[in-house]
Amino acid sequence: GGRAPECSHDGSEDCQPWHLKEVLNVSAMQESAGAFVGEHDFHTFTSQHGLQRNATRRILHVGVEKVAAATNTLPELLCVSILGESFLYRMVRYIVFALVLAGRHRPGATAA
């Protein structure tokens, strides 16, 4: 399997920020990320627009890591990196949302 590039947040990667105020369980998110790796039917991870094609996709890596903020005035960041052969419309957005749900609903949450 492949490994996604390190999260840098320097503008060189396709980063889409999502500000969340609640505490997330990063370990639960990391554990859940493994379920997406491999070849799966992702038809539930696309919108109607993406259902016009075969929904089977191969994901090589999904990572969730804490990243230090650029300045002390910004909160700590979580970076979700996803490496795959191809993606459906809004698939990455829905995978990240599923990981956030995992982080919200498991005990042992740590500040992120």
Protein backbone atom coordinates (compact mmCIF):
# COMPACT_ATOMS: atom_id res chain seq x y z
CA GLY A 1 0.00 0.00 0.00
CA GLY A 2 0.98 3.62 -0.46
CA ARG A 3 1.56 6.28 2.09
CA ALA A 4 0.07 9.72 1.80
CA PRO A 5 2.40 12.73 1.95
CA GLU A 6 2.94 14.47 5.26
CA CYS A 7 0.36 17.11 6.13
CA SER A 8 2.02 20.50 5.76
CA HIS A 9 -0.82 23.04 5.47
CA ASP A 10 1.48 25.30 3.50
CA GLY A 11 -0.89 25.55 0.55
CA SER A 12 0.94 22.94 -1.53
CA GLU A 13 -1.74 20.30 -0.92
CA ASP A 14 -5.46 20.33 -1.57
CA CYS A 15 -6.53 21.22 1.99
CA GLN A 16 -10.12 21.99 2.90
CA PRO A 17 -10.41 23.36 6.45
CA TRP A 18 -13.34 22.48 8.70
CA HIS A 19 -13.48 24.26 12.06
CA LEU A 20 -14.91 22.15 14.88
CA LYS A 21 -15.14 23.36 18.45
CA GLU A 22 -15.74 20.00 20.14
CA VAL A 23 -13.10 17.60 21.40
CA LEU A 24 -12.52 14.61 19.14
CA ASN A 25 -11.08 11.20 20.02
CA VAL A 26 -8.15 11.12 17.60
CA SER A 27 -7.30 7.50 18.43
CA ALA A 28 -10.84 6.42 17.49
CA MET A 29 -10.56 8.34 14.23
CA GLN A 30 -7.21 6.71 13.44
CA GLU A 31 -8.61 3.26 14.22
CA SER A 32 -11.67 3.86 12.03
CA ALA A 33 -9.53 5.14 9.14
CA GLY A 34 -8.27 1.62 8.45
CA ALA A 35 -11.75 0.47 7.47
CA PHE A 36 -11.56 2.59 4.31
CA VAL A 37 -8.28 1.12 3.05
CA GLY A 38 -8.59 -1.41 0.25
CA GLU A 39 -11.05 -1.90 -2.58
CA HIS A 40 -14.66 -1.17 -1.59
CA ASP A 41 -17.98 -0.13 -3.07
CA PHE A 42 -18.28 3.53 -2.01
CA HIS A 43 -21.77 4.20 -3.43
CA THR A 44 -22.91 5.49 -0.01
CA PHE A 45 -19.98 7.93 -0.01
CA THR A 46 -21.07 9.98 -3.02
CA SER A 47 -23.95 12.22 -3.96
CA GLN A 48 -26.51 11.50 -6.67
CA HIS A 49 -24.11 13.13 -9.14
CA GLY A 50 -21.52 10.43 -8.46
CA LEU A 51 -23.92 7.49 -8.75
CA GLN A 52 -23.77 7.53 -12.54
CA ARG A 53 -20.63 5.38 -12.53
CA ASN A 54 -19.13 2.28 -10.93
CA ALA A 55 -18.63 3.13 -7.25
CA THR A 56 -15.84 0.63 -6.53
CA ARG A 57 -12.64 2.44 -5.60
CA ARG A 58 -9.26 1.43 -4.18
CA ILE A 59 -7.99 3.48 -1.23
CA LEU A 60 -4.30 3.03 -0.46
CA HIS A 61 -3.97 5.07 2.73
CA VAL A 62 -6.12 7.04 5.17
CA GLY A 63 -4.33 8.89 7.93
CA VAL A 64 -5.40 11.12 10.78
CA GLU A 65 -2.70 13.08 12.57
CA LYS A 66 -2.32 16.07 14.83
CA VAL A 67 -0.48 18.98 13.26
CA ALA A 68 0.97 21.91 15.17
CA ALA A 69 -0.68 25.22 14.31
CA ALA A 70 1.36 27.82 12.43
CA THR A 71 1.14 30.25 15.36
CA ASN A 72 0.38 29.99 19.06
CA THR A 73 -2.86 31.90 18.56
CA LEU A 74 -4.37 29.16 16.38
CA PRO A 75 -5.77 25.90 17.76
CA GLU A 76 -4.14 22.56 17.10
CA LEU A 77 -5.10 21.03 13.77
CA LEU A 78 -6.03 17.55 12.64
CA CYS A 79 -5.00 16.53 9.17
CA VAL A 80 -6.85 13.77 7.33
CA SER A 81 -4.88 12.50 4.35
CA ILE A 82 -6.40 10.12 1.83
CA LEU A 83 -4.47 8.45 -0.97
CA GLY A 84 -6.38 6.50 -3.60
CA GLU A 85 -6.38 5.54 -7.25
CA SER A 86 -9.55 7.57 -7.96
CA PHE A 87 -12.41 9.18 -6.10
CA LEU A 88 -16.15 9.67 -6.55
CA TYR A 89 -17.83 13.07 -6.36
CA ARG A 90 -17.69 14.24 -2.69
CA MET A 91 -16.27 10.89 -1.56
CA VAL A 92 -13.37 12.40 0.41
CA ARG A 93 -15.74 14.82 2.14
CA TYR A 94 -17.98 11.94 3.26
CA ILE A 95 -15.03 9.86 4.47
CA VAL A 96 -13.81 12.77 6.61
CA PHE A 97 -17.33 13.25 7.99
CA ALA A 98 -17.48 9.54 8.93
CA LEU A 99 -14.14 9.86 10.73
CA VAL A 100 -15.37 12.92 12.64
CA LEU A 101 -18.45 10.94 13.71
CA ALA A 102 -16.15 8.20 14.99
CA GLY A 103 -14.16 10.81 16.90
CA ARG A 104 -17.30 12.31 18.45
CA HIS A 105 -18.87 9.11 19.70
CA ARG A 106 -16.15 7.15 21.43
CA PRO A 107 -14.92 7.51 25.02
CA GLY A 108 -11.44 8.78 25.79
CA ALA A 109 -11.58 11.90 23.66
CA THR A 110 -8.50 14.10 23.74
CA ALA A 111 -8.26 17.72 22.70
CA ALA A 112 -7.52 18.10 19.04
